[in-house]
Structures are given as structure tokens and as C-alpha cells.
Amino acid sequence: ELSTNSNEYGALGRGGFISVDGSLNGGVLRLHWLERAEGEARAGRPDGGSGHRLIERALRSRGGELEIEWSDTGLNVHLRLPVGRK
């Protein structure tokens, strides 16, 4: 979902870059998605739209969290998900 949106509205569609890193610590997976466009990114909706809600619902159903910080040139996404939970 994040890469599709980046292609259409964000960094990948505007000559920019994406950086993804992650860590697993204390049974919690943390992912950080950093996206920066060469020019201004076109956010479809300030609340992230249906894709954002889909990711958020999926994470919440497993005890995870999603935080998105928007900027004119892209976004930072912080995702936290407990692992090993049934």
C-alpha cells in the first residue's frame, strides 16, 4: 500500500527515494518508512485515505500501531507490531 501510493502520489513518482529500516526488540517489530520526493508530493488526503485505514485496522487487530508524519516532500511512517502473539 505504501509503495503503491508513493508511485502515484509521492517520492517514487517524483524522482525521490524511499528508505525502509526495521528492528526487532523485546518481541516488537518496528519499521520506519522514510519517503522524500524531489519536488512537492501530492497527498491524496490529509487522513491518508482508505489505504491508511486498512493498514491501521490490520495492525490494530494484532495489537500494533501506525504513526504517519506528513511533510510537503513526503512522509515518515512508524509501524509497531508485537510478534509471536497468537
PDB file of N, CA and C in Angstrom:
ATOM      1  N   GLU A   1       0.826  -1.197   0.000  1.00  0.00           N
ATOM      2  CA  GLU A   1       0.000   0.000   0.000  1.00  0.00           C
ATOM      3  C   GLU A   1       0.867   1.255   0.000  1.00  0.00           C
ATOM      4  N   LEU A   2       1.897   1.271   0.842  1.00  0.00           N
ATOM      5  CA  LEU A   2       2.772   2.448   0.908  1.00  0.00           C
ATOM      6  C   LEU A   2       3.525   2.651  -0.409  1.00  0.00           C
ATOM      7  N   SER A   3       4.032   1.579  -0.986  1.00  0.00           N
ATOM      8  CA  SER A   3       4.785   1.747  -2.238  1.00  0.00           C
ATOM      9  C   SER A   3       3.870   2.128  -3.397  1.00  0.00           C
ATOM     10  N   THR A   4       2.658   1.582  -3.433  1.00  0.00           N
ATOM     11  CA  THR A   4       1.703   1.958  -4.480  1.00  0.00           C
ATOM     12  C   THR A   4       1.381   3.441  -4.394  1.00  0.00           C
ATOM     13  N   ASN A   5       1.112   3.917  -3.189  1.00  0.00           N
ATOM     14  CA  ASN A   5       0.805   5.341  -3.011  1.00  0.00           C
ATOM     15  C   ASN A   5       2.008   6.222  -3.338  1.00  0.00           C
ATOM     16  N   SER A   6       3.199   5.751  -3.003  1.00  0.00           N
ATOM     17  CA  SER A   6       4.397   6.523  -3.309  1.00  0.00           C
ATOM     18  C   SER A   6       4.590   6.652  -4.815  1.00  0.00           C
ATOM     19  N   ASN A   7       4.282   5.593  -5.542  1.00  0.00           N
ATOM     20  CA  ASN A   7       4.371   5.630  -7.003  1.00  0.00           C
ATOM     21  C   ASN A   7       3.390   6.633  -7.590  1.00  0.00           C
ATOM     22  N   GLU A   8       2.199   6.656  -7.048  1.00  0.00           N
ATOM     23  CA  GLU A   8       1.147   7.505  -7.604  1.00  0.00           C
ATOM     24  C   GLU A   8       1.235   8.953  -7.133  1.00  0.00           C
ATOM     25  N   TYR A   9       1.504   9.149  -5.845  1.00  0.00           N
ATOM     26  CA  TYR A   9       1.417  10.495  -5.263  1.00  0.00           C
ATOM     27  C   TYR A   9       2.729  11.031  -4.683  1.00  0.00           C
ATOM     28  N   GLY A  10       3.660  10.145  -4.375  1.00  0.00           N
ATOM     29  CA  GLY A  10       4.803  10.560  -3.570  1.00  0.00           C
ATOM     30  C   GLY A  10       6.145  10.443  -4.249  1.00  0.00           C
ATOM     31  N   ALA A  11       7.137  10.056  -3.458  1.00  0.00           N
ATOM     32  CA  ALA A  11       8.543  10.098  -3.857  1.00  0.00           C
ATOM     33  C   ALA A  11       8.854   9.260  -5.093  1.00  0.00           C
ATOM     34  N   LEU A  12       8.364   8.036  -5.172  1.00  0.00           N
ATOM     35  CA  LEU A  12       8.712   7.185  -6.310  1.00  0.00           C
ATOM     36  C   LEU A  12       8.204   7.751  -7.620  1.00  0.00           C
ATOM     37  N   GLY A  13       7.118   8.469  -7.577  1.00  0.00           N
ATOM     38  CA  GLY A  13       6.574   9.095  -8.771  1.00  0.00           C
ATOM     39  C   GLY A  13       7.148  10.473  -9.046  1.00  0.00           C
ATOM     40  N   ARG A  14       8.060  10.948  -8.184  1.00  0.00           N
ATOM     41  CA  ARG A  14       8.612  12.295  -8.321  1.00  0.00           C
ATOM     42  C   ARG A  14      10.117  12.327  -8.160  1.00  0.00           C
ATOM     43  N   GLY A  15      10.781  11.270  -8.636  1.00  0.00           N
ATOM     44  CA  GLY A  15      12.239  11.252  -8.653  1.00  0.00           C
ATOM     45  C   GLY A  15      12.900  11.245  -7.299  1.00  0.00           C
ATOM     46  N   GLY A  16      12.195  10.843  -6.280  1.00  0.00           N
ATOM     47  CA  GLY A  16      12.749  10.849  -4.930  1.00  0.00           C
ATOM     48  C   GLY A  16      13.241   9.486  -4.502  1.00  0.00           C
ATOM     49  N   PHE A  17      13.220   9.260  -3.213  1.00  0.00           N
ATOM     50  CA  PHE A  17      13.721   7.999  -2.676  1.00  0.00           C
ATOM     51  C   PHE A  17      12.860   7.533  -1.503  1.00  0.00           C
ATOM     52  N   ILE A  18      13.021   6.254  -1.209  1.00  0.00           N
ATOM     53  CA  ILE A  18      12.391   5.638  -0.042  1.00  0.00           C
ATOM     54  C   ILE A  18      13.478   4.894   0.713  1.00  0.00           C
ATOM     55  N   SER A  19      13.429   4.995   2.013  1.00  0.00           N
ATOM     56  CA  SER A  19      14.321   4.247   2.879  1.00  0.00           C
ATOM     57  C   SER A  19      13.448   3.475   3.864  1.00  0.00           C
ATOM     58  N   VAL A  20      13.716   2.188   4.019  1.00  0.00           N
ATOM     59  CA  VAL A  20      12.961   1.365   4.961  1.00  0.00           C
ATOM     60  C   VAL A  20      13.967   0.683   5.872  1.00  0.00           C
ATOM     61  N   ASP A  21      13.752   0.803   7.167  1.00  0.00           N
ATOM     62  CA  ASP A  21      14.580   0.043   8.092  1.00  0.00           C
ATOM     63  C   ASP A  21      13.698  -0.517   9.192  1.00  0.00           C
ATOM     64  N   GLY A  22      14.226  -1.477   9.889  1.00  0.00           N
ATOM     65  CA  GLY A  22      13.435  -2.121  10.920  1.00  0.00           C
ATOM     66  C   GLY A  22      14.304  -2.731  11.992  1.00  0.00           C
ATOM     67  N   SER A  23      13.652  -3.063  13.090  1.00  0.00           N
ATOM     68  CA  SER A  23      14.336  -3.736  14.190  1.00  0.00           C
ATOM     69  C   SER A  23      13.330  -4.616  14.920  1.00  0.00           C
ATOM     70  N   LEU A  24      13.856  -5.618  15.577  1.00  0.00           N
ATOM     71  CA  LEU A  24      13.045  -6.499  16.417  1.00  0.00           C
ATOM     72  C   LEU A  24      13.676  -6.474  17.788  1.00  0.00           C
ATOM     73  N   ASN A  25      12.916  -5.988  18.765  1.00  0.00           N
ATOM     74  CA  ASN A  25      13.441  -5.843  20.107  1.00  0.00           C
ATOM     75  C   ASN A  25      12.328  -6.098  21.108  1.00  0.00           C
ATOM     76  N   GLY A  26      12.556  -6.982  22.035  1.00  0.00           N
ATOM     77  CA  GLY A  26      11.567  -7.256  23.072  1.00  0.00           C
ATOM     78  C   GLY A  26      10.245  -7.752  22.519  1.00  0.00           C
ATOM     79  N   GLY A  27      10.283  -8.493  21.424  1.00  0.00           N
ATOM     80  CA  GLY A  27       9.056  -9.028  20.850  1.00  0.00           C
ATOM     81  C   GLY A  27       8.227  -8.024  20.066  1.00  0.00           C
ATOM     82  N   VAL A  28       8.829  -6.871  19.744  1.00  0.00           N
ATOM     83  CA  VAL A  28       8.122  -5.848  18.978  1.00  0.00           C
ATOM     84  C   VAL A  28       8.915  -5.546  17.705  1.00  0.00           C
ATOM     85  N   LEU A  29       8.248  -5.699  16.564  1.00  0.00           N
ATOM     86  CA  LEU A  29       8.827  -5.331  15.280  1.00  0.00           C
ATOM     87  C   LEU A  29       8.540  -3.856  15.050  1.00  0.00           C
ATOM     88  N   ARG A  30       9.585  -3.102  14.753  1.00  0.00           N
ATOM     89  CA  ARG A  30       9.443  -1.677  14.450  1.00  0.00           C
ATOM     90  C   ARG A  30       9.976  -1.446  13.047  1.00  0.00           C
ATOM     91  N   LEU A  31       9.146  -0.841  12.218  1.00  0.00           N
ATOM     92  CA  LEU A  31       9.549  -0.481  10.863  1.00  0.00           C
ATOM     93  C   LEU A  31       9.433   1.025  10.698  1.00  0.00           C
ATOM     94  N   HIS A  32      10.403   1.586   9.991  1.00  0.00           N
ATOM     95  CA  HIS A  32      10.371   3.019   9.695  1.00  0.00           C
ATOM     96  C   HIS A  32      10.473   3.175   8.188  1.00  0.00           C
ATOM     97  N   TRP A  33       9.487   3.816   7.593  1.00  0.00           N
ATOM     98  CA  TRP A  33       9.435   4.113   6.156  1.00  0.00           C
ATOM     99  C   TRP A  33       9.641   5.604   6.013  1.00  0.00           C
ATOM    100  N   LEU A  34      10.712   6.007   5.345  1.00  0.00           N
ATOM    101  CA  LEU A  34      11.005   7.414   5.104  1.00  0.00           C
ATOM    102  C   LEU A  34      10.915   7.641   3.606  1.00  0.00           C
ATOM    103  N   GLU A  35      10.178   8.635   3.224  1.00  0.00           N
ATOM    104  CA  GLU A  35       9.942   8.910   1.807  1.00  0.00           C
ATOM    105  C   GLU A  35      10.176  10.392   1.543  1.00  0.00           C
ATOM    106  N   ARG A  36      10.990  10.687   0.523  1.00  0.00           N
ATOM    107  CA  ARG A  36      11.243  12.073   0.155  1.00  0.00           C
ATOM    108  C   ARG A  36      11.198  12.212  -1.360  1.00  0.00           C
ATOM    109  N   ALA A  37      10.388  13.138  -1.835  1.00  0.00           N
ATOM    110  CA  ALA A  37      10.267  13.431  -3.261  1.00  0.00           C
ATOM    111  C   ALA A  37      11.230  14.550  -3.642  1.00  0.00           C
ATOM    112  N   GLU A  38      11.596  14.615  -4.911  1.00  0.00           N
ATOM    113  CA  GLU A  38      12.435  15.709  -5.406  1.00  0.00           C
ATOM    114  C   GLU A  38      11.685  17.036  -5.313  1.00  0.00           C
ATOM    115  N   GLY A  39      10.401  17.005  -5.613  1.00  0.00           N
ATOM    116  CA  GLY A  39       9.560  18.193  -5.503  1.00  0.00           C
ATOM    117  C   GLY A  39       8.474  17.942  -4.479  1.00  0.00           C
ATOM    118  N   GLU A  40       7.420  18.679  -4.599  1.00  0.00           N
ATOM    119  CA  GLU A  40       6.318  18.526  -3.660  1.00  0.00           C
ATOM    120  C   GLU A  40       5.536  17.251  -3.949  1.00  0.00           C
ATOM    121  N   ALA A  41       5.264  16.489  -2.901  1.00  0.00           N
ATOM    122  CA  ALA A  41       4.452  15.282  -3.019  1.00  0.00           C
ATOM    123  C   ALA A  41       2.980  15.677  -2.998  1.00  0.00           C
ATOM    124  N   ARG A  42       2.145  14.907  -3.653  1.00  0.00           N
ATOM    125  CA  ARG A  42       0.711  15.189  -3.689  1.00  0.00           C
ATOM    126  C   ARG A  42      -0.004  14.241  -2.741  1.00  0.00           C
ATOM    127  N   ALA A  43      -0.241  14.665  -1.542  1.00  0.00           N
ATOM    128  CA  ALA A  43      -1.010  13.837  -0.605  1.00  0.00           C
ATOM    129  C   ALA A  43      -2.445  13.793  -1.093  1.00  0.00           C
ATOM    130  N   GLY A  44      -2.969  12.581  -1.239  1.00  0.00           N
ATOM    131  CA  GLY A  44      -4.340  12.431  -1.695  1.00  0.00           C
ATOM    132  C   GLY A  44      -5.338  12.966  -0.685  1.00  0.00           C
ATOM    133  N   ARG A  45      -5.110  12.647   0.573  1.00  0.00           N
ATOM    134  CA  ARG A  45      -5.989  13.092   1.657  1.00  0.00           C
ATOM    135  C   ARG A  45      -5.149  13.273   2.910  1.00  0.00           C
ATOM    136  N   PRO A  46      -5.427  14.290   3.690  1.00  0.00           N
ATOM    137  CA  PRO A  46      -4.649  14.503   4.918  1.00  0.00           C
ATOM    138  C   PRO A  46      -4.753  13.342   5.895  1.00  0.00           C
ATOM    139  N   ASP A  47      -5.866  12.617   5.883  1.00  0.00           N
ATOM    140  CA  ASP A  47      -6.026  11.496   6.822  1.00  0.00           C
ATOM    141  C   ASP A  47      -5.484  10.198   6.255  1.00  0.00           C
ATOM    142  N   GLY A  48      -4.926  10.222   5.035  1.00  0.00           N
ATOM    143  CA  GLY A  48      -4.316   9.038   4.462  1.00  0.00           C
ATOM    144  C   GLY A  48      -5.246   8.208   3.609  1.00  0.00           C
ATOM    145  N   GLY A  49      -6.529   8.395   3.684  1.00  0.00           N
ATOM    146  CA  GLY A  49      -7.456   7.668   2.829  1.00  0.00           C
ATOM    147  C   GLY A  49      -7.674   6.227   3.237  1.00  0.00           C
ATOM    148  N   SER A  50      -8.250   5.455   2.324  1.00  0.00           N
ATOM    149  CA  SER A  50      -8.664   4.093   2.645  1.00  0.00           C
ATOM    150  C   SER A  50      -7.480   3.159   2.872  1.00  0.00           C
ATOM    151  N   GLY A  51      -6.369   3.353   2.149  1.00  0.00           N
ATOM    152  CA  GLY A  51      -5.198   2.510   2.365  1.00  0.00           C
ATOM    153  C   GLY A  51      -4.631   2.665   3.760  1.00  0.00           C
ATOM    154  N   HIS A  52      -4.566   3.902   4.218  1.00  0.00           N
ATOM    155  CA  HIS A  52      -4.100   4.191   5.576  1.00  0.00           C
ATOM    156  C   HIS A  52      -4.995   3.491   6.598  1.00  0.00           C
ATOM    157  N   ARG A  53      -6.301   3.610   6.413  1.00  0.00           N
ATOM    158  CA  ARG A  53      -7.236   2.969   7.350  1.00  0.00           C
ATOM    159  C   ARG A  53      -7.099   1.456   7.317  1.00  0.00           C
ATOM    160  N   LEU A  54      -6.875   0.883   6.142  1.00  0.00           N
ATOM    161  CA  LEU A  54      -6.693  -0.561   6.017  1.00  0.00           C
ATOM    162  C   LEU A  54      -5.458  -1.029   6.789  1.00  0.00           C
ATOM    163  N   ILE A  55      -4.327  -0.345   6.592  1.00  0.00           N
ATOM    164  CA  ILE A  55      -3.105  -0.696   7.313  1.00  0.00           C
ATOM    165  C   ILE A  55      -3.315  -0.559   8.813  1.00  0.00           C
ATOM    166  N   GLU A  56      -3.937   0.529   9.217  1.00  0.00           N
ATOM    167  CA  GLU A  56      -4.168   0.782  10.642  1.00  0.00           C
ATOM    168  C   GLU A  56      -5.049  -0.301  11.264  1.00  0.00           C
ATOM    169  N   ARG A  57      -6.128  -0.671  10.587  1.00  0.00           N
ATOM    170  CA  ARG A  57      -7.020  -1.730  11.101  1.00  0.00           C
ATOM    171  C   ARG A  57      -6.302  -3.063  11.222  1.00  0.00           C
ATOM    172  N   ALA A  58      -5.517  -3.413  10.196  1.00  0.00           N
ATOM    173  CA  ALA A  58      -4.779  -4.681  10.225  1.00  0.00           C
ATOM    174  C   ALA A  58      -3.793  -4.706  11.393  1.00  0.00           C
ATOM    175  N   LEU A  59      -3.079  -3.610  11.599  1.00  0.00           N
ATOM    176  CA  LEU A  59      -2.134  -3.546  12.712  1.00  0.00           C
ATOM    177  C   LEU A  59      -2.842  -3.612  14.054  1.00  0.00           C
ATOM    178  N   ARG A  60      -3.899  -2.811  14.212  1.00  0.00           N
ATOM    179  CA  ARG A  60      -4.639  -2.799  15.479  1.00  0.00           C
ATOM    180  C   ARG A  60      -5.181  -4.171  15.836  1.00  0.00           C
ATOM    181  N   SER A  61      -5.616  -4.931  14.827  1.00  0.00           N
ATOM    182  CA  SER A  61      -6.184  -6.255  15.092  1.00  0.00           C
ATOM    183  C   SER A  61      -5.141  -7.196  15.700  1.00  0.00           C
ATOM    184  N   ARG A  62      -3.859  -6.881  15.534  1.00  0.00           N
ATOM    185  CA  ARG A  62      -2.774  -7.682  16.090  1.00  0.00           C
ATOM    186  C   ARG A  62      -2.027  -6.945  17.193  1.00  0.00           C
ATOM    187  N   GLY A  63      -2.618  -5.857  17.728  1.00  0.00           N
ATOM    188  CA  GLY A  63      -2.007  -5.110  18.823  1.00  0.00           C
ATOM    189  C   GLY A  63      -0.937  -4.131  18.375  1.00  0.00           C
ATOM    190  N   GLY A  64      -0.909  -3.802  17.078  1.00  0.00           N
ATOM    191  CA  GLY A  64       0.103  -2.887  16.556  1.00  0.00           C
ATOM    192  C   GLY A  64      -0.382  -1.458  16.469  1.00  0.00           C
ATOM    193  N   GLU A  65       0.517  -0.590  16.040  1.00  0.00           N
ATOM    194  CA  GLU A  65       0.215   0.838  15.918  1.00  0.00           C
ATOM    195  C   GLU A  65       0.847   1.393  14.652  1.00  0.00           C
ATOM    196  N   LEU A  66       0.256   2.451  14.135  1.00  0.00           N
ATOM    197  CA  LEU A  66       0.761   3.140  12.954  1.00  0.00           C
ATOM    198  C   LEU A  66       0.779   4.629  13.241  1.00  0.00           C
ATOM    199  N   GLU A  67       1.888   5.269  12.910  1.00  0.00           N
ATOM    200  CA  GLU A  67       2.005   6.722  13.051  1.00  0.00           C
ATOM    201  C   GLU A  67       2.557   7.268  11.742  1.00  0.00           C
ATOM    202  N   ILE A  68       1.886   8.263  11.188  1.00  0.00           N
ATOM    203  CA  ILE A  68       2.325   8.869   9.941  1.00  0.00           C
ATOM    204  C   ILE A  68       2.532  10.357  10.158  1.00  0.00           C
ATOM    205  N   GLU A  69       3.698  10.839   9.744  1.00  0.00           N
ATOM    206  CA  GLU A  69       4.026  12.264   9.798  1.00  0.00           C
ATOM    207  C   GLU A  69       4.159  12.745   8.358  1.00  0.00           C
ATOM    208  N   TRP A  70       3.296  13.665   7.959  1.00  0.00           N
ATOM    209  CA  TRP A  70       3.289  14.184   6.587  1.00  0.00           C
ATOM    210  C   TRP A  70       4.156  15.421   6.482  1.00  0.00           C
ATOM    211  N   SER A  71       4.807  15.589   5.326  1.00  0.00           N
ATOM    212  CA  SER A  71       5.518  16.828   5.019  1.00  0.00           C
ATOM    213  C   SER A  71       5.251  17.164   3.555  1.00  0.00           C
ATOM    214  N   ASP A  72       5.682  18.330   3.112  1.00  0.00           N
ATOM    215  CA  ASP A  72       5.460  18.737   1.719  1.00  0.00           C
ATOM    216  C   ASP A  72       6.180  17.830   0.730  1.00  0.00           C
ATOM    217  N   THR A  73       7.276  17.217   1.159  1.00  0.00           N
ATOM    218  CA  THR A  73       8.072  16.413   0.233  1.00  0.00           C
ATOM    219  C   THR A  73       7.979  14.906   0.480  1.00  0.00           C
ATOM    220  N   GLY A  74       7.107  14.488   1.359  1.00  0.00           N
ATOM    221  CA  GLY A  74       6.970  13.046   1.606  1.00  0.00           C
ATOM    222  C   GLY A  74       6.407  12.757   2.970  1.00  0.00           C
ATOM    223  N   LEU A  75       6.794  11.601   3.509  1.00  0.00           N
ATOM    224  CA  LEU A  75       6.265  11.219   4.806  1.00  0.00           C
ATOM    225  C   LEU A  75       7.212  10.298   5.542  1.00  0.00           C
ATOM    226  N   ASN A  76       6.995  10.226   6.852  1.00  0.00           N
ATOM    227  CA  ASN A  76       7.642   9.275   7.747  1.00  0.00           C
ATOM    228  C   ASN A  76       6.540   8.383   8.289  1.00  0.00           C
ATOM    229  N   VAL A  77       6.750   7.090   8.222  1.00  0.00           N
ATOM    230  CA  VAL A  77       5.788   6.142   8.756  1.00  0.00           C
ATOM    231  C   VAL A  77       6.502   5.301   9.808  1.00  0.00           C
ATOM    232  N   HIS A  78       5.924   5.230  10.991  1.00  0.00           N
ATOM    233  CA  HIS A  78       6.436   4.393  12.078  1.00  0.00           C
ATOM    234  C   HIS A  78       5.376   3.339  12.352  1.00  0.00           C
ATOM    235  N   LEU A  79       5.792   2.099  12.251  1.00  0.00           N
ATOM    236  CA  LEU A  79       4.890   0.966  12.436  1.00  0.00           C
ATOM    237  C   LEU A  79       5.436   0.109  13.567  1.00  0.00           C
ATOM    238  N   ARG A  80       4.592  -0.259  14.519  1.00  0.00           N
ATOM    239  CA  ARG A  80       4.980  -1.130  15.623  1.00  0.00           C
ATOM    240  C   ARG A  80       4.027  -2.313  15.666  1.00  0.00           C
ATOM    241  N   LEU A  81       4.600  -3.527  15.739  1.00  0.00           N
ATOM    242  CA  LEU A  81       3.780  -4.731  15.724  1.00  0.00           C
ATOM    243  C   LEU A  81       4.370  -5.788  16.639  1.00  0.00           C
ATOM    244  N   PRO A  82       3.621  -6.204  17.677  1.00  0.00           N
ATOM    245  CA  PRO A  82       4.101  -7.310  18.512  1.00  0.00           C
ATOM    246  C   PRO A  82       4.178  -8.584  17.671  1.00  0.00           C
ATOM    247  N   VAL A  83       5.221  -9.358  17.860  1.00  0.00           N
ATOM    248  CA  VAL A  83       5.365 -10.600  17.119  1.00  0.00           C
ATOM    249  C   VAL A  83       5.321 -11.785  18.083  1.00  0.00           C
ATOM    250  N   GLY A  84       4.991 -12.936  17.547  1.00  0.00           N
ATOM    251  CA  GLY A  84       4.900 -14.127  18.384  1.00  0.00           C
ATOM    252  C   GLY A  84       3.582 -14.238  19.119  1.00  0.00           C
ATOM    253  N   ARG A  85       2.676 -13.304  18.901  1.00  0.00           N
ATOM    254  CA  ARG A  85       1.347 -13.310  19.519  1.00  0.00           C
ATOM    255  C   ARG A  85       0.403 -14.126  18.684  1.00  0.00           C
ATOM    256  N   LYS A  86      -0.474 -14.873  19.309  1.00  0.00           N
ATOM    257  CA  LYS A  86      -1.481 -15.635  18.554  1.00  0.00           C
ATOM    258  C   LYS A  86      -2.828 -14.996  18.676  1.00  0.00           C
TER     259      LYS A  86
END
